[in-house]
Amino acid sequence: MIIIICKLFFVIFCSPKHIVTFKFYRIIKLSTALLLVAGIIFQTACRPQAQQAAKPFVVYERAGHQYPVTLNGSLGCVTLQKAPERVVVLGAGTVDLVVALGIQPVAMEANLWGGDENGYMPWFKEFMAEQKRPLPPTVVMYPELDAEKLVSFNPDLIIATQSGLSEENYRLLSGFAPVIAHPHKPWMTTVDEQIDIIAAAFGKQKQAAALKAQIGAEYADFRRRHPKLQGKTFAYIYSGARSPQLSVYAEGEPRVDALYGLGLKMSPDLVKMSVDEGSWSVALGLENADKLNQSDIVITWFFSEEDQKMVEARPLFREIKAVKRGTYLPLLDREVNTAMYQATPQSLRWGLRRLEADWTRIENALD
């Protein structure tokens, strides 16, 4: 209780100036909610995961996966005494996993890049309609977090496991509710890691095992349909029209992990490239684009058709073997690109159906 009151003091007197502009009645309302939540959830004063020796992300105090459970992250940790009831979900694809485990969020982050006018992705809407469940309200996180709207939902937990949540926003939100952030790096949390963390928070271990099996079955079905792709090497890159560099996505990044699930493997030379601290990709000058020639398949994405035309007109890009061979997959559709990036069971099923002809084309070009 003392910890909660101290946090309230911090929020009112020490938080960034845009938080102090909240109406005072909102602070009173939130303080009441926090006192109610104090009995089930505690944000402990542990060191961030990055400052600790290797430690499990999920730690149970008792056998049998029972509460209390501590969830360790790169920005701090949370100890839960029982399952939360009002969760807000931030980040890319995390909400798919939350609802797939049978949890109904009180709010979720709006996807303003690939989503509809309200920030919902098509596969999420389809899933919720099939389940006859309401769509949660959305909260904007970029270009600036709408903290006031988020807090208005009175969450007793905020999940941001696959996000770019900054330390500043983590501290800000932690003044109102416990926050589970990324376990090691921003944007580098695997789907399996997310499932494990969410399942531990809500006591959904049995459902988590079934969900992982569902994802595995989706991958296995693809591998059966495309036997000639199995074991082929790939590079997943981003090539900006106004940049002299390519970005090569690293192992551990969800879209790369998804390709491993499809039966592909990253080119060994690319695996050896070192990734800068806090990054999820490796910069590669266009003059070194020949390093991609060991990859049977090259996948990239573009913001617009104009960007695609500009990049594909570059002589050094055109000389990449996969581009010349026809085993090159450019992603322009924002929904499809997001589906493959998030790599959740809902998004994979949706995205792979729409790329089926492309994978068949690539398979034939590899003959």
Protein backbone atom coordinates (compact mmCIF):
# COMPACT_ATOMS: atom_id res chain seq x y z
CA MET A 1 0.00 0.00 0.00
CA ILE A 2 2.83 2.39 0.88
CA ILE A 3 4.43 1.67 -2.50
CA ILE A 4 1.20 2.59 -4.30
CA ILE A 5 0.82 5.87 -2.37
CA CYS A 6 4.45 6.77 -3.08
CA LYS A 7 3.87 6.16 -6.77
CA LEU A 8 0.85 8.44 -6.72
CA PHE A 9 3.00 11.16 -5.13
CA PHE A 10 5.58 10.65 -7.90
CA VAL A 11 2.96 10.91 -10.63
CA ILE A 12 1.48 14.14 -9.28
CA PHE A 13 4.69 15.97 -8.43
CA CYS A 14 7.52 14.41 -10.46
CA SER A 15 6.10 13.20 -13.76
CA PRO A 16 6.72 14.89 -17.14
CA LYS A 17 4.78 18.10 -17.64
CA HIS A 18 2.18 16.66 -20.02
CA ILE A 19 1.06 14.29 -17.26
CA VAL A 20 0.68 17.08 -14.71
CA THR A 21 -1.87 18.67 -17.06
CA PHE A 22 -4.32 15.81 -16.33
CA LYS A 23 -7.39 17.11 -14.55
CA PHE A 24 -7.08 16.69 -10.81
CA TYR A 25 -10.28 14.66 -10.55
CA ARG A 26 -8.63 12.13 -12.87
CA ILE A 27 -5.77 11.76 -10.41
CA ILE A 28 -8.20 11.21 -7.53
CA LYS A 29 -10.09 8.62 -9.56
CA LEU A 30 -6.88 6.86 -10.48
CA SER A 31 -5.56 6.84 -6.94
CA THR A 32 -8.74 5.09 -5.81
CA ALA A 33 -8.35 2.50 -8.56
CA LEU A 34 -4.73 1.93 -7.61
CA LEU A 35 -5.64 1.32 -3.99
CA LEU A 36 -8.16 -1.30 -5.11
CA VAL A 37 -5.61 -2.95 -7.39
CA ALA A 38 -2.96 -3.03 -4.67
CA GLY A 39 -4.38 -6.22 -3.26
CA ILE A 40 -3.77 -8.25 -6.43
CA ILE A 41 -0.79 -6.73 -8.23
CA PHE A 42 2.52 -5.20 -7.16
CA GLN A 43 5.13 -3.52 -9.34
CA THR A 44 8.27 -4.58 -7.52
CA ALA A 45 11.39 -2.48 -7.21
CA CYS A 46 13.65 -4.98 -8.93
CA ARG A 47 16.44 -4.12 -11.29
CA PRO A 48 15.71 -4.21 -15.03
CA GLN A 49 16.47 -7.54 -16.69
CA ALA A 50 19.32 -5.97 -18.67
CA GLN A 51 21.11 -5.13 -15.39
CA GLN A 52 20.74 -8.62 -13.95
CA ALA A 53 22.51 -11.88 -14.59
CA ALA A 54 20.63 -14.26 -16.87
CA LYS A 55 17.29 -14.82 -15.20
CA PRO A 56 14.04 -16.48 -16.34
CA PHE A 57 11.38 -14.11 -17.62
CA VAL A 58 8.76 -15.99 -15.57
CA VAL A 59 9.39 -17.01 -11.94
CA TYR A 60 6.83 -18.82 -9.78
CA GLU A 61 7.16 -18.80 -6.00
CA ARG A 62 5.33 -22.12 -5.71
CA ALA A 63 5.21 -25.34 -7.71
CA GLY A 64 2.44 -26.03 -10.17
CA HIS A 65 2.47 -22.66 -11.95
CA GLN A 66 0.52 -21.05 -9.13
CA TYR A 67 0.40 -17.41 -8.06
CA PRO A 68 2.25 -15.36 -7.04
CA VAL A 69 4.29 -15.08 -10.22
CA THR A 70 7.03 -12.58 -11.06
CA LEU A 71 7.54 -11.42 -14.65
CA ASN A 72 11.01 -10.01 -15.27
CA GLY A 73 11.58 -7.49 -18.05
CA SER A 74 14.24 -5.21 -19.47
CA LEU A 75 12.70 -2.16 -17.78
CA GLY A 76 11.49 -3.67 -14.52
CA CYS A 77 9.44 -6.52 -13.14
CA VAL A 78 5.91 -7.21 -11.94
CA THR A 79 4.68 -9.64 -9.29
CA LEU A 80 1.08 -10.77 -9.65
CA GLN A 81 -0.92 -12.25 -6.79
CA LYS A 82 -3.79 -13.33 -9.05
CA ALA A 83 -5.06 -12.84 -12.60
CA PRO A 84 -5.63 -9.19 -13.62
CA GLU A 85 -9.10 -8.17 -14.78
CA ARG A 86 -8.58 -4.95 -16.77
CA VAL A 87 -5.67 -5.28 -19.18
CA VAL A 88 -4.57 -2.74 -21.79
CA VAL A 89 -2.46 -4.23 -24.60
CA LEU A 90 0.23 -2.24 -26.43
CA GLY A 91 2.60 -3.32 -29.19
CA ALA A 92 2.60 -5.29 -32.42
CA GLY A 93 0.46 -8.42 -32.55
CA THR A 94 0.34 -8.94 -28.79
CA VAL A 95 -3.41 -8.36 -28.71
CA ASP A 96 -3.89 -11.34 -31.09
CA LEU A 97 -2.24 -13.60 -28.53
CA VAL A 98 -4.14 -12.09 -25.61
CA VAL A 99 -7.55 -12.70 -27.17
CA ALA A 100 -6.50 -16.13 -28.50
CA LEU A 101 -5.87 -17.11 -24.87
CA GLY A 102 -9.43 -16.10 -23.99
CA ILE A 103 -8.67 -12.73 -22.40
CA GLN A 104 -10.76 -9.65 -23.26
CA PRO A 105 -8.71 -6.40 -23.10
CA VAL A 106 -10.33 -3.18 -21.95
CA ALA A 107 -8.26 -1.36 -24.62
CA MET A 108 -5.57 -2.01 -27.22
CA GLU A 109 -3.07 -0.05 -29.28
CA ALA A 110 -4.35 1.23 -32.62
CA ASN A 111 -2.32 0.11 -35.63
CA LEU A 112 -2.23 3.32 -37.65
CA TRP A 113 0.08 1.95 -40.36
CA GLY A 114 -1.62 -1.24 -41.50
CA GLY A 115 -4.99 -1.07 -39.78
CA ASP A 116 -8.34 0.38 -40.79
CA GLU A 117 -9.54 3.85 -39.85
CA ASN A 118 -9.98 2.69 -36.26
CA GLY A 119 -6.62 0.91 -36.06
CA TYR A 120 -7.87 -2.69 -36.30
CA MET A 121 -6.15 -5.31 -38.45
CA PRO A 122 -8.49 -7.43 -40.65
CA TRP A 123 -7.56 -10.79 -39.10
CA PHE A 124 -8.19 -9.40 -35.61
CA LYS A 125 -11.65 -8.21 -36.62
CA GLU A 126 -12.39 -11.58 -38.25
CA PHE A 127 -11.29 -13.49 -35.15
CA MET A 128 -13.36 -11.34 -32.80
CA ALA A 129 -16.40 -11.63 -35.08
CA GLU A 130 -16.04 -15.43 -35.19
CA GLN A 131 -15.84 -15.48 -31.40
CA LYS A 132 -18.78 -13.05 -31.13
CA ARG A 133 -16.67 -10.79 -28.96
CA PRO A 134 -16.66 -6.97 -29.00
CA LEU A 135 -13.73 -5.02 -30.41
CA PRO A 136 -11.82 -3.28 -27.60
CA PRO A 137 -11.43 0.51 -27.79
CA THR A 138 -8.10 1.66 -29.22
CA VAL A 139 -5.34 3.90 -27.87
CA VAL A 140 -2.77 5.76 -29.97
CA MET A 141 0.87 5.13 -29.08
CA TYR A 142 2.61 6.87 -31.99
CA PRO A 143 3.78 9.52 -32.71
CA GLU A 144 2.97 10.26 -29.05
CA LEU A 145 1.41 8.01 -26.45
CA ASP A 146 -2.11 9.10 -25.50
CA ALA A 147 -1.50 8.41 -21.84
CA GLU A 148 -4.60 10.20 -20.60
CA LYS A 149 -6.92 8.04 -22.71
CA LEU A 150 -5.05 4.87 -21.76
CA VAL A 151 -5.29 5.63 -18.07
CA SER A 152 -9.02 6.42 -18.40
CA PHE A 153 -9.64 2.68 -18.84
CA ASN A 154 -8.41 2.10 -15.27
CA PRO A 155 -6.18 -0.85 -16.18
CA ASP A 156 -4.84 -3.15 -13.51
CA LEU A 157 -2.16 -4.34 -15.96
CA ILE A 158 -0.53 -2.97 -19.13
CA ILE A 159 1.12 -5.50 -21.46
CA ALA A 160 3.73 -4.21 -23.94
CA THR A 161 5.87 -7.30 -24.52
CA GLN A 162 6.46 -6.75 -28.27
CA SER A 163 6.76 -2.99 -28.43
CA GLY A 164 9.14 -0.08 -28.57
CA LEU A 165 8.07 1.12 -25.13
CA SER A 166 10.65 3.62 -23.93
CA GLU A 167 11.98 3.88 -20.40
CA GLU A 168 10.30 7.27 -20.07
CA ASN A 169 6.87 5.93 -21.03
CA TYR A 170 7.44 2.86 -18.89
CA ARG A 171 8.01 5.06 -15.84
CA LEU A 172 5.07 7.25 -16.78
CA LEU A 173 2.61 4.36 -17.13
CA SER A 174 3.99 2.51 -14.12
CA GLY A 175 2.71 5.37 -11.99
CA PHE A 176 -0.83 4.28 -12.87
CA ALA A 177 -0.67 0.50 -13.32
CA PRO A 178 1.88 -2.33 -13.41
CA VAL A 179 3.54 -2.66 -16.83
CA ILE A 180 4.99 -5.78 -18.44
CA ALA A 181 7.41 -4.46 -21.06
CA HIS A 182 9.69 -6.28 -23.52
CA PRO A 183 11.73 -8.96 -21.72
CA HIS A 184 15.10 -8.13 -23.32
CA LYS A 185 15.01 -5.68 -26.27
CA PRO A 186 12.37 -3.47 -27.92
CA TRP A 187 10.66 -5.22 -30.86
CA MET A 188 12.61 -8.47 -30.28
CA THR A 189 10.19 -10.65 -28.33
CA THR A 190 9.30 -13.91 -30.02
CA VAL A 191 5.72 -15.10 -30.28
CA ASP A 192 6.48 -18.07 -28.00
CA GLU A 193 8.00 -15.76 -25.38
CA GLN A 194 4.94 -13.54 -25.51
CA ILE A 195 2.61 -16.50 -25.11
CA ASP A 196 4.58 -17.73 -22.09
CA ILE A 197 4.51 -14.31 -20.42
CA ILE A 198 0.80 -13.68 -21.06
CA ALA A 199 -0.11 -17.21 -19.97
CA ALA A 200 1.84 -16.79 -16.73
CA ALA A 201 0.17 -13.45 -16.00
CA PHE A 202 -3.34 -14.85 -16.45
CA GLY A 203 -2.93 -18.48 -15.43
CA LYS A 204 -3.56 -19.72 -18.99
CA GLN A 205 -0.83 -22.35 -19.30
CA LYS A 206 -3.08 -25.04 -20.81
CA GLN A 207 -4.46 -22.62 -23.38
CA ALA A 208 -0.90 -21.49 -24.16
CA ALA A 209 0.18 -25.04 -25.01
CA ALA A 210 -2.81 -25.40 -27.34
CA LEU A 211 -2.05 -22.06 -29.00
CA LYS A 212 1.57 -23.03 -29.63
CA ALA A 213 0.38 -26.30 -31.15
CA GLN A 214 -1.96 -24.33 -33.42
CA ILE A 215 0.92 -22.16 -34.64
CA GLY A 216 3.05 -25.25 -35.21
CA ALA A 217 0.27 -26.84 -37.25
CA GLU A 218 0.02 -23.71 -39.41
CA TYR A 219 3.74 -23.86 -40.15
CA ALA A 220 3.63 -27.62 -40.79
CA ASP A 221 0.79 -27.18 -43.27
CA PHE A 222 2.85 -24.62 -45.21
CA ARG A 223 5.87 -26.92 -45.23
CA ARG A 224 3.77 -29.73 -46.68
CA ARG A 225 2.46 -27.46 -49.43
CA HIS A 226 5.92 -26.16 -50.36
CA PRO A 227 8.48 -28.98 -50.06
CA LYS A 228 10.92 -27.35 -52.49
CA LEU A 229 11.33 -24.35 -50.19
CA GLN A 230 12.51 -26.44 -47.28
CA GLY A 231 16.06 -25.63 -46.19
CA LYS A 232 16.43 -22.75 -48.65
CA THR A 233 18.27 -19.69 -47.40
CA PHE A 234 16.78 -16.23 -47.14
CA ALA A 235 17.50 -12.60 -46.34
CA TYR A 236 14.73 -10.36 -45.02
CA ILE A 237 15.66 -6.74 -45.69
CA TYR A 238 14.31 -3.22 -45.79
CA SER A 239 15.50 -1.01 -48.62
CA GLY A 240 14.52 2.63 -48.29
CA ALA A 241 14.33 4.75 -51.42
CA ARG A 242 16.21 7.63 -49.80
CA SER A 243 18.90 5.64 -48.04
CA PRO A 244 22.19 4.30 -49.42
CA GLN A 245 21.90 1.37 -47.02
CA LEU A 246 19.90 -1.81 -46.68
CA SER A 247 18.67 -3.05 -43.31
CA VAL A 248 18.99 -6.80 -42.79
CA TYR A 249 16.64 -8.12 -40.12
CA ALA A 250 18.36 -10.26 -37.50
CA GLU A 251 17.53 -13.59 -35.92
CA GLY A 252 15.06 -13.17 -33.08
CA GLU A 253 13.06 -10.57 -34.98
CA PRO A 254 9.51 -11.97 -35.39
CA ARG A 255 9.35 -11.81 -39.19
CA VAL A 256 12.67 -13.70 -39.39
CA ASP A 257 11.50 -16.28 -36.86
CA ALA A 258 8.34 -16.78 -38.91
CA LEU A 259 10.41 -17.73 -41.97
CA TYR A 260 12.27 -20.31 -39.89
CA GLY A 261 8.88 -21.74 -39.02
CA LEU A 262 8.09 -22.00 -42.74
CA GLY A 263 11.14 -24.22 -43.17
CA LEU A 264 13.59 -21.61 -44.47
CA LYS A 265 16.88 -20.64 -42.84
CA MET A 266 18.82 -17.40 -42.73
CA SER A 267 21.98 -17.27 -44.83
CA PRO A 268 24.95 -18.20 -42.58
CA ASP A 269 26.96 -15.11 -43.61
CA LEU A 270 24.10 -12.88 -42.47
CA VAL A 271 23.68 -14.73 -39.18
CA LYS A 272 27.32 -13.92 -38.37
CA MET A 273 26.81 -10.16 -38.81
CA SER A 274 26.79 -8.34 -35.47
CA VAL A 275 23.69 -6.43 -34.41
CA ASP A 276 24.11 -3.13 -32.60
CA GLU A 277 22.81 -2.95 -29.03
CA GLY A 278 19.12 -2.08 -28.99
CA SER A 279 18.68 -2.79 -32.71
CA TRP A 280 16.85 -5.55 -34.54
CA SER A 281 18.63 -5.18 -37.88
CA VAL A 282 22.09 -4.81 -39.40
CA ALA A 283 23.00 -1.95 -41.75
CA LEU A 284 24.45 -3.07 -45.07
CA GLY A 285 25.71 -0.52 -47.59
CA LEU A 286 24.22 -0.96 -51.04
CA GLU A 287 27.77 -1.33 -52.38
CA ASN A 288 27.90 -4.56 -50.34
CA ALA A 289 24.61 -5.90 -51.66
CA ASP A 290 26.51 -8.86 -53.11
CA LYS A 291 26.53 -10.28 -49.56
CA LEU A 292 22.91 -11.17 -50.26
CA ASN A 293 23.93 -13.43 -53.14
CA GLN A 294 24.26 -16.41 -50.80
CA SER A 295 20.53 -16.15 -50.12
CA ASP A 296 18.22 -18.25 -52.27
CA ILE A 297 15.34 -15.90 -51.47
CA VAL A 298 15.30 -12.16 -50.70
CA ILE A 299 12.25 -10.59 -49.09
CA THR A 300 11.77 -6.88 -48.61
CA TRP A 301 8.99 -4.36 -48.05
CA PHE A 302 8.25 -0.84 -49.23
CA PHE A 303 6.28 2.13 -47.98
CA SER A 304 4.95 2.96 -51.43
CA GLU A 305 5.02 2.03 -55.12
CA GLU A 306 7.21 5.07 -55.72
CA ASP A 307 9.78 3.77 -53.23
CA GLN A 308 9.67 0.33 -54.83
CA LYS A 309 10.34 1.74 -58.31
CA MET A 310 13.24 3.87 -57.07
CA VAL A 311 14.93 0.99 -55.22
CA GLU A 312 14.42 -1.56 -57.98
CA ALA A 313 15.90 0.89 -60.50
CA ARG A 314 19.26 0.93 -58.69
CA PRO A 315 21.85 -1.10 -60.64
CA LEU A 316 23.41 -2.61 -57.51
CA PHE A 317 20.00 -3.78 -56.31
CA ARG A 318 19.11 -5.26 -59.69
CA GLU A 319 22.32 -7.32 -59.59
CA ILE A 320 21.28 -9.24 -56.47
CA LYS A 321 21.00 -12.85 -57.62
CA ALA A 322 17.58 -13.46 -56.10
CA VAL A 323 16.23 -10.38 -57.87
CA LYS A 324 17.63 -11.55 -61.21
CA ARG A 325 16.52 -15.15 -60.63
CA GLY A 326 12.94 -14.27 -59.72
CA THR A 327 13.15 -15.53 -56.13
CA TYR A 328 12.61 -12.04 -54.79
CA LEU A 329 9.46 -11.18 -52.81
CA PRO A 330 8.62 -7.47 -52.48
CA LEU A 331 5.85 -6.69 -49.99
CA LEU A 332 3.90 -3.53 -50.73
CA ASP A 333 0.51 -4.29 -49.18
CA ARG A 334 0.63 -2.92 -45.64
CA GLU A 335 -1.80 -5.48 -44.29
CA VAL A 336 0.18 -8.42 -45.68
CA ASN A 337 3.46 -6.91 -44.52
CA THR A 338 2.07 -6.46 -41.01
CA ALA A 339 0.63 -9.98 -41.00
CA MET A 340 4.03 -11.54 -41.72
CA TYR A 341 5.79 -9.24 -39.28
CA GLN A 342 3.49 -9.98 -36.36
CA ALA A 343 3.50 -13.75 -37.05
CA THR A 344 0.62 -14.52 -34.69
CA PRO A 345 -1.65 -17.50 -35.44
CA GLN A 346 -4.38 -15.19 -36.74
CA SER A 347 -2.08 -13.00 -38.84
CA LEU A 348 -0.07 -15.93 -40.25
CA ARG A 349 -3.16 -17.73 -41.45
CA TRP A 350 -4.44 -14.52 -43.05
CA GLY A 351 -1.12 -13.48 -44.59
CA LEU A 352 0.03 -16.85 -45.92
CA ARG A 353 -3.22 -17.29 -47.85
CA ARG A 354 -2.57 -14.03 -49.65
CA LEU A 355 1.05 -14.89 -50.44
CA GLU A 356 0.40 -18.44 -51.62
CA ALA A 357 0.83 -17.58 -55.31
CA ASP A 358 4.08 -15.72 -54.58
CA TRP A 359 5.57 -18.67 -52.70
CA THR A 360 4.59 -21.01 -55.54
CA ARG A 361 6.24 -18.65 -58.04
CA ILE A 362 9.45 -18.59 -55.99
CA GLU A 363 9.39 -22.36 -55.58
CA ASN A 364 9.13 -22.80 -59.35
CA ALA A 365 11.93 -20.28 -59.98
CA LEU A 366 14.25 -22.29 -57.72
CA ASP A 367 13.99 -25.37 -59.98
